[in-house]
Amino acid sequence: MSETKATATAKWWSTSYPSRYYACPNSSALIGGYPSVMWVDVNVFPSAPSWLPAASGMIAMTETEWTARSTVNQIIKDGTVQTYVATTTDTTTTSSTATTTTATDSTTTTSAAS
């Protein structure tokens, strides 16, 4: 009786992509002028897709970081994944009231200006 041992073959990405999970800048979809994040799990591909950049062009992530990541308003800025927060301008509107009196008919008119 012969025994067959299963041998694990190395994944295609194990040498070129030392991490399984990556954050990749997506310059075709900007948020506030910054590239949005394209999340990449290289293990889901049977071979390297032609669009996949080199590992050095992406941000390697641990499994813990991958699991905890947010997928809303994520950008790549200063070499890190960040949540984009739009800058806001604080504007205030002043309302004034003007009262005029016409001497000829003794009427008072009040108007609000914005």
C-alpha atoms as a PDB file:
ATOM      1  CA  MET A   1       0.000   0.000   0.000  1.00  0.00           C
ATOM      2  CA  SER A   2       1.490   3.352  -0.967  1.00  0.00           C
ATOM      3  CA  GLU A   3       0.859   6.596   0.855  1.00  0.00           C
ATOM      4  CA  THR A   4       0.403   9.917  -0.851  1.00  0.00           C
ATOM      5  CA  LYS A   5       1.438  12.972   1.079  1.00  0.00           C
ATOM      6  CA  ALA A   6      -0.032  16.284   0.186  1.00  0.00           C
ATOM      7  CA  THR A   7       2.617  18.922  -0.205  1.00  0.00           C
ATOM      8  CA  ALA A   8       1.767  22.562   0.141  1.00  0.00           C
ATOM      9  CA  THR A   9       2.715  24.572  -2.878  1.00  0.00           C
ATOM     10  CA  ALA A  10       3.767  28.155  -2.433  1.00  0.00           C
ATOM     11  CA  LYS A  11       1.225  30.772  -3.393  1.00  0.00           C
ATOM     12  CA  TRP A  12       2.069  32.738  -6.559  1.00  0.00           C
ATOM     13  CA  TRP A  13       2.308  35.930  -4.536  1.00  0.00           C
ATOM     14  CA  SER A  14       4.468  34.680  -1.643  1.00  0.00           C
ATOM     15  CA  THR A  15       7.763  35.956  -3.067  1.00  0.00           C
ATOM     16  CA  SER A  16       6.698  39.151  -4.855  1.00  0.00           C
ATOM     17  CA  TYR A  17       4.068  40.175  -2.317  1.00  0.00           C
ATOM     18  CA  PRO A  18       5.290  39.359   1.189  1.00  0.00           C
ATOM     19  CA  SER A  19       1.984  40.454   2.700  1.00  0.00           C
ATOM     20  CA  ARG A  20      -1.389  39.079   1.686  1.00  0.00           C
ATOM     21  CA  TYR A  21      -3.276  42.356   2.219  1.00  0.00           C
ATOM     22  CA  TYR A  22      -2.563  45.752   0.693  1.00  0.00           C
ATOM     23  CA  ALA A  23      -3.956  49.254   0.377  1.00  0.00           C
ATOM     24  CA  CYS A  24      -3.348  50.559  -3.122  1.00  0.00           C
ATOM     25  CA  PRO A  25      -3.738  54.201  -4.237  1.00  0.00           C
ATOM     26  CA  ASN A  26      -6.521  54.616  -6.774  1.00  0.00           C
ATOM     27  CA  SER A  27      -5.703  57.843  -8.626  1.00  0.00           C
ATOM     28  CA  SER A  28      -8.686  57.457 -10.947  1.00  0.00           C
ATOM     29  CA  ALA A  29     -11.072  58.012  -8.010  1.00  0.00           C
ATOM     30  CA  LEU A  30      -9.963  61.025  -5.990  1.00  0.00           C
ATOM     31  CA  ILE A  31     -11.518  62.170  -2.725  1.00  0.00           C
ATOM     32  CA  GLY A  32     -10.686  65.762  -1.869  1.00  0.00           C
ATOM     33  CA  GLY A  33      -7.789  65.638  -4.315  1.00  0.00           C
ATOM     34  CA  TYR A  34      -6.246  62.510  -2.765  1.00  0.00           C
ATOM     35  CA  PRO A  35      -6.258  59.002  -4.214  1.00  0.00           C
ATOM     36  CA  SER A  36      -8.947  56.784  -2.753  1.00  0.00           C
ATOM     37  CA  VAL A  37      -7.998  53.342  -1.461  1.00  0.00           C
ATOM     38  CA  MET A  38      -8.326  50.187  -3.473  1.00  0.00           C
ATOM     39  CA  TRP A  39      -8.191  47.253  -1.056  1.00  0.00           C
ATOM     40  CA  VAL A  40      -6.308  44.234  -2.381  1.00  0.00           C
ATOM     41  CA  ASP A  41      -6.226  40.698  -1.001  1.00  0.00           C
ATOM     42  CA  VAL A  42      -3.716  39.102  -3.373  1.00  0.00           C
ATOM     43  CA  ASN A  43      -4.779  35.617  -2.312  1.00  0.00           C
ATOM     44  CA  VAL A  44      -8.104  35.891  -4.149  1.00  0.00           C
ATOM     45  CA  PHE A  45      -6.382  35.953  -7.547  1.00  0.00           C
ATOM     46  CA  PRO A  46      -5.201  32.714  -9.158  1.00  0.00           C
ATOM     47  CA  SER A  47      -2.289  34.686 -10.657  1.00  0.00           C
ATOM     48  CA  ALA A  48      -1.103  38.283 -10.660  1.00  0.00           C
ATOM     49  CA  PRO A  49      -3.601  40.563 -12.428  1.00  0.00           C
ATOM     50  CA  SER A  50      -2.011  42.873 -15.011  1.00  0.00           C
ATOM     51  CA  TRP A  51      -3.232  45.974 -13.159  1.00  0.00           C
ATOM     52  CA  LEU A  52      -1.678  44.959  -9.815  1.00  0.00           C
ATOM     53  CA  PRO A  53       1.234  47.256  -8.914  1.00  0.00           C
ATOM     54  CA  ALA A  54       4.425  45.989  -7.325  1.00  0.00           C
ATOM     55  CA  ALA A  55       4.270  45.509  -3.555  1.00  0.00           C
ATOM     56  CA  SER A  56       6.571  48.521  -3.161  1.00  0.00           C
ATOM     57  CA  GLY A  57       3.845  50.721  -4.713  1.00  0.00           C
ATOM     58  CA  MET A  58       1.263  49.685  -2.119  1.00  0.00           C
ATOM     59  CA  ILE A  59       0.887  49.758   1.655  1.00  0.00           C
ATOM     60  CA  ALA A  60       1.247  46.311   3.215  1.00  0.00           C
ATOM     61  CA  MET A  61      -1.276  45.474   5.920  1.00  0.00           C
ATOM     62  CA  THR A  62      -1.476  42.862   8.626  1.00  0.00           C
ATOM     63  CA  GLU A  63      -4.520  40.620   8.940  1.00  0.00           C
ATOM     64  CA  THR A  64      -5.552  42.597  12.036  1.00  0.00           C
ATOM     65  CA  GLU A  65      -5.345  45.897  10.126  1.00  0.00           C
ATOM     66  CA  TRP A  66      -7.234  44.361   7.197  1.00  0.00           C
ATOM     67  CA  THR A  67     -10.032  43.109   9.421  1.00  0.00           C
ATOM     68  CA  ALA A  68     -10.321  46.447  11.256  1.00  0.00           C
ATOM     69  CA  ARG A  69     -10.177  48.672   8.173  1.00  0.00           C
ATOM     70  CA  SER A  70     -12.869  51.173   7.321  1.00  0.00           C
ATOM     71  CA  THR A  71     -14.079  51.305   3.742  1.00  0.00           C
ATOM     72  CA  VAL A  72     -15.734  54.731   3.813  1.00  0.00           C
ATOM     73  CA  ASN A  73     -13.907  57.921   2.763  1.00  0.00           C
ATOM     74  CA  GLN A  74     -10.480  56.293   2.864  1.00  0.00           C
ATOM     75  CA  ILE A  75      -7.596  58.068   1.138  1.00  0.00           C
ATOM     76  CA  ILE A  76      -3.870  57.586   0.859  1.00  0.00           C
ATOM     77  CA  LYS A  77      -2.021  60.638   2.084  1.00  0.00           C
ATOM     78  CA  ASP A  78       1.595  60.883   3.229  1.00  0.00           C
ATOM     79  CA  GLY A  79       2.090  57.168   2.612  1.00  0.00           C
ATOM     80  CA  THR A  80      -0.659  56.062   4.998  1.00  0.00           C
ATOM     81  CA  VAL A  81      -4.325  55.172   4.837  1.00  0.00           C
ATOM     82  CA  GLN A  82      -6.396  57.960   6.378  1.00  0.00           C
ATOM     83  CA  THR A  83     -10.045  58.863   6.687  1.00  0.00           C
ATOM     84  CA  TYR A  84     -10.816  61.906   4.566  1.00  0.00           C
ATOM     85  CA  VAL A  85     -12.531  64.692   6.457  1.00  0.00           C
ATOM     86  CA  ALA A  86     -13.672  67.563   4.285  1.00  0.00           C
ATOM     87  CA  THR A  87     -12.593  71.006   5.370  1.00  0.00           C
ATOM     88  CA  THR A  88     -15.474  73.229   6.321  1.00  0.00           C
ATOM     89  CA  THR A  89     -15.844  76.964   6.346  1.00  0.00           C
ATOM     90  CA  ASP A  90     -17.722  78.499   9.240  1.00  0.00           C
ATOM     91  CA  THR A  91     -20.093  81.084   7.837  1.00  0.00           C
ATOM     92  CA  THR A  92     -22.490  83.132   9.855  1.00  0.00           C
ATOM     93  CA  THR A  93     -25.461  85.046   8.584  1.00  0.00           C
ATOM     94  CA  THR A  94     -26.350  88.303  10.246  1.00  0.00           C
ATOM     95  CA  SER A  95     -29.912  89.449  10.169  1.00  0.00           C
ATOM     96  CA  SER A  96     -30.785  93.081  10.725  1.00  0.00           C
ATOM     97  CA  THR A  97     -34.062  94.877  11.130  1.00  0.00           C
ATOM     98  CA  ALA A  98     -34.629  98.366   9.770  1.00  0.00           C
ATOM     99  CA  THR A  99     -37.469 100.607  10.888  1.00  0.00           C
ATOM    100  CA  THR A 100     -38.531 103.641   8.884  1.00  0.00           C
ATOM    101  CA  THR A 101     -41.180 106.190   9.643  1.00  0.00           C
ATOM    102  CA  THR A 102     -42.922 108.194   6.991  1.00  0.00           C
ATOM    103  CA  ALA A 103     -44.019 111.580   8.300  1.00  0.00           C
ATOM    104  CA  THR A 104     -46.794 112.070   5.795  1.00  0.00           C
ATOM    105  CA  ASP A 105     -48.944 109.102   6.773  1.00  0.00           C
ATOM    106  CA  SER A 106     -47.484 108.177  10.205  1.00  0.00           C
ATOM    107  CA  THR A 107     -46.943 104.512   9.209  1.00  0.00           C
ATOM    108  CA  THR A 108     -44.054 102.481  10.478  1.00  0.00           C
ATOM    109  CA  THR A 109     -42.596  99.891   8.160  1.00  0.00           C
ATOM    110  CA  THR A 110     -40.326  97.119   9.428  1.00  0.00           C
ATOM    111  CA  SER A 111     -38.289  94.977   7.076  1.00  0.00           C
ATOM    112  CA  ALA A 112     -35.786  92.205   7.684  1.00  0.00           C
ATOM    113  CA  ALA A 113     -32.606  92.081   5.645  1.00  0.00           C
ATOM    114  CA  SER A 114     -30.459  88.966   5.372  1.00  0.00           C
END
